[in-house]
């Protein structure tokens, strides 16, 4: 198992709760890079101690990072305890996004004309605020992204489909705008167009815009994965 030459942040470990959170984020980012680059292959066993030594940090932030990766289905448990790397092939992510596309396009069509106007205006304001912020954080962008996609899924009227969409979004959340930053403002613009369409009266237009939006997300993710594995 190898790793890029990013060094662990020195002098932070154990000094405060905030620093521990930073180390957890650091561990998450480093382990995720190992997964996406193919240095940790599908089926590889993940050991807290070994990863902690590799990253020059304690086992606690590594444990937290692995828990986060498990919640995102990027690592799985075998025999109840052993953590192993899930298959991270491009095909897997294309299939996940294809599922999202099928479900969310239908939801966009069904939600057209059914989205609460007050809720829609509030989300629109959040999107517009996002475009005015000098430095947008990935967390802020993801929160607004969740509002848009969640509201449309809920307005479609089928809680089971809405739940499935949220699960699929969680599993593709690793590709936030910290990894594909060029999608940040473009995505906000697409969200505005999509929200306006759903507030209108043409279900097919809403369906088309949702499909285009998720196609753009898919293409950015594929480019990112392939770029990581060529580097």
C-alpha atoms as a PDB file:
ATOM      1  CA  UNK A   1       0.000   0.000   0.000  1.00  0.00           C
ATOM      2  CA  UNK A   2       1.498   3.342  -1.020  1.00  0.00           C
ATOM      3  CA  UNK A   3       0.502   6.916  -0.544  1.00  0.00           C
ATOM      4  CA  UNK A   4       1.063  10.316  -2.074  1.00  0.00           C
ATOM      5  CA  UNK A   5       3.561  12.585  -0.306  1.00  0.00           C
ATOM      6  CA  UNK A   6       0.970  14.589   1.601  1.00  0.00           C
ATOM      7  CA  UNK A   7       2.169  14.876   5.175  1.00  0.00           C
ATOM      8  CA  UNK A   8      -0.069  14.682   8.196  1.00  0.00           C
ATOM      9  CA  UNK A   9      -0.644  18.011   9.924  1.00  0.00           C
ATOM     10  CA  UNK A  10       1.983  18.224  12.661  1.00  0.00           C
ATOM     11  CA  UNK A  11       1.417  19.350  16.216  1.00  0.00           C
ATOM     12  CA  UNK A  12      -2.355  19.025  16.103  1.00  0.00           C
ATOM     13  CA  UNK A  13      -3.096  15.547  17.342  1.00  0.00           C
ATOM     14  CA  UNK A  14      -4.748  15.372  20.737  1.00  0.00           C
ATOM     15  CA  UNK A  15      -4.462  19.086  21.466  1.00  0.00           C
ATOM     16  CA  UNK A  16      -8.146  19.900  21.144  1.00  0.00           C
ATOM     17  CA  UNK A  17     -11.428  18.506  19.893  1.00  0.00           C
ATOM     18  CA  UNK A  18     -11.245  20.803  16.864  1.00  0.00           C
ATOM     19  CA  UNK A  19      -7.808  19.498  15.946  1.00  0.00           C
ATOM     20  CA  UNK A  20      -9.009  15.927  16.300  1.00  0.00           C
ATOM     21  CA  UNK A  21     -11.799  16.691  13.830  1.00  0.00           C
ATOM     22  CA  UNK A  22      -9.183  18.123  11.441  1.00  0.00           C
ATOM     23  CA  UNK A  23      -7.142  14.943  11.718  1.00  0.00           C
ATOM     24  CA  UNK A  24     -10.249  12.880  11.037  1.00  0.00           C
ATOM     25  CA  UNK A  25     -10.893  14.914   7.889  1.00  0.00           C
ATOM     26  CA  UNK A  26      -7.237  14.526   6.913  1.00  0.00           C
ATOM     27  CA  UNK A  27      -7.403  10.743   7.386  1.00  0.00           C
ATOM     28  CA  UNK A  28     -10.629  10.565   5.376  1.00  0.00           C
ATOM     29  CA  UNK A  29      -9.164  12.549   2.474  1.00  0.00           C
ATOM     30  CA  UNK A  30      -5.934  10.541   2.402  1.00  0.00           C
ATOM     31  CA  UNK A  31      -7.616   7.128   2.581  1.00  0.00           C
ATOM     32  CA  UNK A  32     -10.145   8.219  -0.040  1.00  0.00           C
ATOM     33  CA  UNK A  33      -7.319   9.266  -2.362  1.00  0.00           C
ATOM     34  CA  UNK A  34      -5.777   5.819  -1.926  1.00  0.00           C
ATOM     35  CA  UNK A  35      -9.099   4.236  -2.861  1.00  0.00           C
ATOM     36  CA  UNK A  36      -9.758   6.439  -5.876  1.00  0.00           C
ATOM     37  CA  UNK A  37      -6.214   6.123  -7.212  1.00  0.00           C
ATOM     38  CA  UNK A  38      -6.416   2.340  -7.079  1.00  0.00           C
ATOM     39  CA  UNK A  39      -3.557   2.032  -4.545  1.00  0.00           C
ATOM     40  CA  UNK A  40      -6.059   0.347  -2.237  1.00  0.00           C
ATOM     41  CA  UNK A  41      -7.828  -2.174  -4.425  1.00  0.00           C
ATOM     42  CA  UNK A  42     -11.234  -3.794  -4.067  1.00  0.00           C
ATOM     43  CA  UNK A  43     -11.152  -6.483  -1.388  1.00  0.00           C
ATOM     44  CA  UNK A  44      -8.068  -5.110   0.385  1.00  0.00           C
ATOM     45  CA  UNK A  45      -8.277  -5.405   4.169  1.00  0.00           C
ATOM     46  CA  UNK A  46      -8.101  -2.066   6.023  1.00  0.00           C
ATOM     47  CA  UNK A  47      -6.277  -2.118   9.362  1.00  0.00           C
ATOM     48  CA  UNK A  48      -6.568   0.890  11.664  1.00  0.00           C
ATOM     49  CA  UNK A  49      -3.077   0.459  13.084  1.00  0.00           C
ATOM     50  CA  UNK A  50      -1.389   0.186   9.709  1.00  0.00           C
ATOM     51  CA  UNK A  51      -3.247   3.171   8.292  1.00  0.00           C
ATOM     52  CA  UNK A  52      -2.467   5.233  11.407  1.00  0.00           C
ATOM     53  CA  UNK A  53       1.241   4.434  11.014  1.00  0.00           C
ATOM     54  CA  UNK A  54       1.095   5.270   7.324  1.00  0.00           C
ATOM     55  CA  UNK A  55      -0.506   8.647   8.019  1.00  0.00           C
ATOM     56  CA  UNK A  56       1.578   9.358  11.150  1.00  0.00           C
ATOM     57  CA  UNK A  57      -1.507   9.954  13.292  1.00  0.00           C
ATOM     58  CA  UNK A  58      -3.325   8.080  16.056  1.00  0.00           C
ATOM     59  CA  UNK A  59      -5.907   5.387  15.455  1.00  0.00           C
ATOM     60  CA  UNK A  60      -8.860   7.504  16.648  1.00  0.00           C
ATOM     61  CA  UNK A  61      -9.121   9.798  13.576  1.00  0.00           C
ATOM     62  CA  UNK A  62      -8.454   6.792  11.319  1.00  0.00           C
ATOM     63  CA  UNK A  63     -11.323   4.933  13.001  1.00  0.00           C
ATOM     64  CA  UNK A  64     -13.601   7.947  12.468  1.00  0.00           C
ATOM     65  CA  UNK A  65     -12.565   8.207   8.819  1.00  0.00           C
ATOM     66  CA  UNK A  66     -13.212   4.513   8.229  1.00  0.00           C
ATOM     67  CA  UNK A  67     -16.634   4.849   9.843  1.00  0.00           C
ATOM     68  CA  UNK A  68     -17.441   7.672   7.446  1.00  0.00           C
ATOM     69  CA  UNK A  69     -16.243   5.639   4.469  1.00  0.00           C
ATOM     70  CA  UNK A  70     -18.341   2.703   5.641  1.00  0.00           C
ATOM     71  CA  UNK A  71     -21.435   4.913   5.870  1.00  0.00           C
ATOM     72  CA  UNK A  72     -20.801   5.900   2.246  1.00  0.00           C
ATOM     73  CA  UNK A  73     -20.514   2.212   1.239  1.00  0.00           C
ATOM     74  CA  UNK A  74     -16.913   2.699   0.140  1.00  0.00           C
ATOM     75  CA  UNK A  75     -15.714   0.102   2.634  1.00  0.00           C
ATOM     76  CA  UNK A  76     -17.711  -2.871   3.899  1.00  0.00           C
ATOM     77  CA  UNK A  77     -17.493  -5.353   6.767  1.00  0.00           C
ATOM     78  CA  UNK A  78     -16.815  -9.042   6.343  1.00  0.00           C
ATOM     79  CA  UNK A  79     -17.513 -11.586   9.040  1.00  0.00           C
ATOM     80  CA  UNK A  80     -18.894  -8.809  11.213  1.00  0.00           C
ATOM     81  CA  UNK A  81     -15.632  -6.985  11.907  1.00  0.00           C
ATOM     82  CA  UNK A  82     -13.098  -6.964   9.074  1.00  0.00           C
ATOM     83  CA  UNK A  83     -13.219  -3.822   6.915  1.00  0.00           C
ATOM     84  CA  UNK A  84     -12.431  -4.259   3.228  1.00  0.00           C
ATOM     85  CA  UNK A  85     -12.408  -1.926   0.239  1.00  0.00           C
ATOM     86  CA  UNK A  86     -15.586  -1.955  -1.844  1.00  0.00           C
ATOM     87  CA  UNK A  87     -15.349  -2.172  -5.620  1.00  0.00           C
ATOM     88  CA  UNK A  88     -14.611   1.402  -6.754  1.00  0.00           C
ATOM     89  CA  UNK A  89     -14.626   0.839 -10.495  1.00  0.00           C
ATOM     90  CA  UNK A  90     -15.805   3.554 -12.844  1.00  0.00           C
ATOM     91  CA  UNK A  91     -18.579   1.179 -13.868  1.00  0.00           C
ATOM     92  CA  UNK A  92     -19.928   1.088 -10.299  1.00  0.00           C
ATOM     93  CA  UNK A  93     -20.206   4.884 -10.150  1.00  0.00           C
ATOM     94  CA  UNK A  94     -21.688   5.117 -13.613  1.00  0.00           C
ATOM     95  CA  UNK A  95     -24.332   2.607 -12.517  1.00  0.00           C
ATOM     96  CA  UNK A  96     -25.054   4.519  -9.308  1.00  0.00           C
ATOM     97  CA  UNK A  97     -25.446   7.754 -11.235  1.00  0.00           C
ATOM     98  CA  UNK A  98     -27.571   6.034 -13.838  1.00  0.00           C
ATOM     99  CA  UNK A  99     -29.924   4.936 -11.049  1.00  0.00           C
ATOM    100  CA  UNK A 100     -30.025   8.505  -9.782  1.00  0.00           C
ATOM    101  CA  UNK A 101     -30.713   9.783 -13.284  1.00  0.00           C
ATOM    102  CA  UNK A 102     -33.632   7.413 -13.855  1.00  0.00           C
ATOM    103  CA  UNK A 103     -35.235   8.188 -10.493  1.00  0.00           C
ATOM    104  CA  UNK A 104     -34.539  11.919 -10.375  1.00  0.00           C
ATOM    105  CA  UNK A 105     -35.665  12.602 -13.917  1.00  0.00           C
ATOM    106  CA  UNK A 106     -39.000  10.976 -13.127  1.00  0.00           C
ATOM    107  CA  UNK A 107     -39.231  12.883  -9.858  1.00  0.00           C
ATOM    108  CA  UNK A 108     -38.513  16.183 -11.606  1.00  0.00           C
ATOM    109  CA  UNK A 109     -41.387  15.526 -14.011  1.00  0.00           C
ATOM    110  CA  UNK A 110     -43.764  14.483 -11.240  1.00  0.00           C
ATOM    111  CA  UNK A 111     -42.778  17.400  -9.005  1.00  0.00           C
ATOM    112  CA  UNK A 112     -43.447  20.027 -11.695  1.00  0.00           C
ATOM    113  CA  UNK A 113     -46.172  22.369 -10.496  1.00  0.00           C
ATOM    114  CA  UNK A 114     -46.283  20.641  -7.081  1.00  0.00           C
ATOM    115  CA  UNK A 115     -43.360  22.288  -5.309  1.00  0.00           C
ATOM    116  CA  UNK A 116     -44.487  24.592  -2.492  1.00  0.00           C
ATOM    117  CA  UNK A 117     -43.941  28.175  -3.761  1.00  0.00           C
ATOM    118  CA  UNK A 118     -42.607  29.461  -0.430  1.00  0.00           C
ATOM    119  CA  UNK A 119     -40.166  26.572  -0.201  1.00  0.00           C
ATOM    120  CA  UNK A 120     -39.098  27.089  -3.799  1.00  0.00           C
ATOM    121  CA  UNK A 121     -38.442  30.810  -3.212  1.00  0.00           C
ATOM    122  CA  UNK A 122     -36.377  30.037  -0.111  1.00  0.00           C
ATOM    123  CA  UNK A 123     -34.255  27.502  -2.005  1.00  0.00           C
ATOM    124  CA  UNK A 124     -33.855  29.919  -4.901  1.00  0.00           C
ATOM    125  CA  UNK A 125     -32.565  32.544  -2.445  1.00  0.00           C
ATOM    126  CA  UNK A 126     -30.083  30.015  -1.043  1.00  0.00           C
ATOM    127  CA  UNK A 127     -28.809  29.217  -4.535  1.00  0.00           C
ATOM    128  CA  UNK A 128     -28.436  32.895  -5.419  1.00  0.00           C
ATOM    129  CA  UNK A 129     -26.622  33.550  -2.137  1.00  0.00           C
ATOM    130  CA  UNK A 130     -24.240  30.718  -3.003  1.00  0.00           C
ATOM    131  CA  UNK A 131     -23.308  32.420  -6.283  1.00  0.00           C
ATOM    132  CA  UNK A 132     -22.528  35.683  -4.448  1.00  0.00           C
ATOM    133  CA  UNK A 133     -20.223  34.245  -1.791  1.00  0.00           C
ATOM    134  CA  UNK A 134     -16.578  35.071  -2.484  1.00  0.00           C
ATOM    135  CA  UNK A 135     -15.309  31.675  -1.324  1.00  0.00           C
ATOM    136  CA  UNK A 136     -17.830  28.838  -1.402  1.00  0.00           C
ATOM    137  CA  UNK A 137     -17.074  25.832   0.754  1.00  0.00           C
ATOM    138  CA  UNK A 138     -17.928  22.306  -0.443  1.00  0.00           C
ATOM    139  CA  UNK A 139     -20.088  21.855   2.675  1.00  0.00           C
ATOM    140  CA  UNK A 140     -22.138  24.958   1.829  1.00  0.00           C
ATOM    141  CA  UNK A 141     -22.543  23.846  -1.761  1.00  0.00           C
ATOM    142  CA  UNK A 142     -23.586  20.334  -0.705  1.00  0.00           C
ATOM    143  CA  UNK A 143     -26.163  21.712   1.746  1.00  0.00           C
ATOM    144  CA  UNK A 144     -27.801  23.754  -1.024  1.00  0.00           C
ATOM    145  CA  UNK A 145     -27.496  20.807  -3.419  1.00  0.00           C
ATOM    146  CA  UNK A 146     -29.351  18.676  -0.861  1.00  0.00           C
ATOM    147  CA  UNK A 147     -32.107  21.284  -0.604  1.00  0.00           C
ATOM    148  CA  UNK A 148     -32.678  21.301  -4.363  1.00  0.00           C
ATOM    149  CA  UNK A 149     -32.637  17.571  -4.975  1.00  0.00           C
ATOM    150  CA  UNK A 150     -34.409  16.718  -1.728  1.00  0.00           C
ATOM    151  CA  UNK A 151     -37.242  19.177  -2.293  1.00  0.00           C
ATOM    152  CA  UNK A 152     -37.832  17.903  -5.830  1.00  0.00           C
ATOM    153  CA  UNK A 153     -37.767  14.274  -4.686  1.00  0.00           C
ATOM    154  CA  UNK A 154     -40.233  14.996  -1.864  1.00  0.00           C
ATOM    155  CA  UNK A 155     -42.572  17.001  -4.104  1.00  0.00           C
ATOM    156  CA  UNK A 156     -42.814  14.028  -6.477  1.00  0.00           C
ATOM    157  CA  UNK A 157     -44.986  12.384  -3.847  1.00  0.00           C
ATOM    158  CA  UNK A 158     -43.392   8.955  -3.324  1.00  0.00           C
ATOM    159  CA  UNK A 159     -41.465   8.719  -0.013  1.00  0.00           C
ATOM    160  CA  UNK A 160     -39.834   5.423  -0.994  1.00  0.00           C
ATOM    161  CA  UNK A 161     -38.376   6.910  -4.168  1.00  0.00           C
ATOM    162  CA  UNK A 162     -37.269   9.998  -2.248  1.00  0.00           C
ATOM    163  CA  UNK A 163     -35.506   7.757   0.283  1.00  0.00           C
ATOM    164  CA  UNK A 164     -33.775   5.797  -2.468  1.00  0.00           C
ATOM    165  CA  UNK A 165     -32.544   9.032  -4.046  1.00  0.00           C
ATOM    166  CA  UNK A 166     -31.134  10.245  -0.733  1.00  0.00           C
ATOM    167  CA  UNK A 167     -29.281   6.956  -0.286  1.00  0.00           C
ATOM    168  CA  UNK A 168     -27.805   7.155  -3.780  1.00  0.00           C
ATOM    169  CA  UNK A 169     -26.777  10.765  -3.199  1.00  0.00           C
ATOM    170  CA  UNK A 170     -25.037   9.779   0.031  1.00  0.00           C
ATOM    171  CA  UNK A 171     -23.091   7.076  -1.808  1.00  0.00           C
ATOM    172  CA  UNK A 172     -21.897   9.561  -4.438  1.00  0.00           C
ATOM    173  CA  UNK A 173     -21.246  12.388  -1.957  1.00  0.00           C
ATOM    174  CA  UNK A 174     -17.505  11.698  -1.990  1.00  0.00           C
ATOM    175  CA  UNK A 175     -17.376  13.562  -5.284  1.00  0.00           C
ATOM    176  CA  UNK A 176     -18.185  16.926  -3.756  1.00  0.00           C
ATOM    177  CA  UNK A 177     -16.877  20.201  -5.109  1.00  0.00           C
ATOM    178  CA  UNK A 178     -13.564  19.880  -3.250  1.00  0.00           C
ATOM    179  CA  UNK A 179     -12.737  17.163  -5.820  1.00  0.00           C
ATOM    180  CA  UNK A 180     -14.512  18.613  -8.856  1.00  0.00           C
ATOM    181  CA  UNK A 181     -14.394  22.361  -8.025  1.00  0.00           C
ATOM    182  CA  UNK A 182     -15.144  23.453 -11.587  1.00  0.00           C
ATOM    183  CA  UNK A 183     -18.680  22.125 -11.036  1.00  0.00           C
ATOM    184  CA  UNK A 184     -19.399  24.499  -8.145  1.00  0.00           C
ATOM    185  CA  UNK A 185     -20.770  27.627  -9.851  1.00  0.00           C
ATOM    186  CA  UNK A 186     -21.907  25.728 -12.934  1.00  0.00           C
ATOM    187  CA  UNK A 187     -23.887  23.386 -10.710  1.00  0.00           C
ATOM    188  CA  UNK A 188     -25.510  26.330  -8.924  1.00  0.00           C
ATOM    189  CA  UNK A 189     -26.625  27.764 -12.264  1.00  0.00           C
ATOM    190  CA  UNK A 190     -28.026  24.388 -13.327  1.00  0.00           C
ATOM    191  CA  UNK A 191     -29.884  24.142 -10.023  1.00  0.00           C
ATOM    192  CA  UNK A 192     -31.524  27.518 -10.603  1.00  0.00           C
ATOM    193  CA  UNK A 193     -32.654  26.506 -14.083  1.00  0.00           C
ATOM    194  CA  UNK A 194     -33.940  23.207 -12.726  1.00  0.00           C
ATOM    195  CA  UNK A 195     -35.810  24.849  -9.855  1.00  0.00           C
ATOM    196  CA  UNK A 196     -37.458  27.329 -12.226  1.00  0.00           C
ATOM    197  CA  UNK A 197     -38.534  24.475 -14.491  1.00  0.00           C
ATOM    198  CA  UNK A 198     -40.074  22.517 -11.611  1.00  0.00           C
ATOM    199  CA  UNK A 199     -41.903  25.676 -10.509  1.00  0.00           C
ATOM    200  CA  UNK A 200     -43.367  25.867 -14.025  1.00  0.00           C
ATOM    201  CA  UNK A 201     -45.856  23.686 -15.864  1.00  0.00           C
ATOM    202  CA  UNK A 202     -43.838  21.608 -18.353  1.00  0.00           C
ATOM    203  CA  UNK A 203     -42.900  18.206 -16.830  1.00  0.00           C
ATOM    204  CA  UNK A 204     -40.860  17.160 -19.859  1.00  0.00           C
ATOM    205  CA  UNK A 205     -38.705  20.287 -19.633  1.00  0.00           C
ATOM    206  CA  UNK A 206     -38.028  19.526 -15.970  1.00  0.00           C
ATOM    207  CA  UNK A 207     -37.185  15.947 -16.862  1.00  0.00           C
ATOM    208  CA  UNK A 208     -34.771  17.069 -19.580  1.00  0.00           C
ATOM    209  CA  UNK A 209     -32.963  19.576 -17.342  1.00  0.00           C
ATOM    210  CA  UNK A 210     -32.530  17.032 -14.558  1.00  0.00           C
ATOM    211  CA  UNK A 211     -31.107  14.550 -17.054  1.00  0.00           C
ATOM    212  CA  UNK A 212     -28.657  17.104 -18.428  1.00  0.00           C
ATOM    213  CA  UNK A 213     -27.587  18.144 -14.930  1.00  0.00           C
ATOM    214  CA  UNK A 214     -26.848  14.567 -13.825  1.00  0.00           C
ATOM    215  CA  UNK A 215     -25.089  13.796 -17.109  1.00  0.00           C
ATOM    216  CA  UNK A 216     -22.765  16.717 -16.402  1.00  0.00           C
ATOM    217  CA  UNK A 217     -22.138  15.441 -12.858  1.00  0.00           C
ATOM    218  CA  UNK A 218     -21.432  11.956 -14.218  1.00  0.00           C
ATOM    219  CA  UNK A 219     -18.947  13.218 -16.802  1.00  0.00           C
ATOM    220  CA  UNK A 220     -17.064  15.263 -14.176  1.00  0.00           C
ATOM    221  CA  UNK A 221     -16.834  12.242 -11.857  1.00  0.00           C
ATOM    222  CA  UNK A 222     -15.578   9.922 -14.608  1.00  0.00           C
ATOM    223  CA  UNK A 223     -12.948  12.494 -15.625  1.00  0.00           C
ATOM    224  CA  UNK A 224     -11.850  12.782 -11.991  1.00  0.00           C
ATOM    225  CA  UNK A 225     -11.520   9.018 -11.410  1.00  0.00           C
ATOM    226  CA  UNK A 226      -9.683   8.399 -14.666  1.00  0.00           C
ATOM    227  CA  UNK A 227      -7.408  11.376 -14.026  1.00  0.00           C
ATOM    228  CA  UNK A 228      -6.513  10.057 -10.559  1.00  0.00           C
ATOM    229  CA  UNK A 229      -5.699   6.607 -11.928  1.00  0.00           C
ATOM    230  CA  UNK A 230      -3.521   7.972 -14.724  1.00  0.00           C
ATOM    231  CA  UNK A 231      -1.501  10.140 -12.317  1.00  0.00           C
END
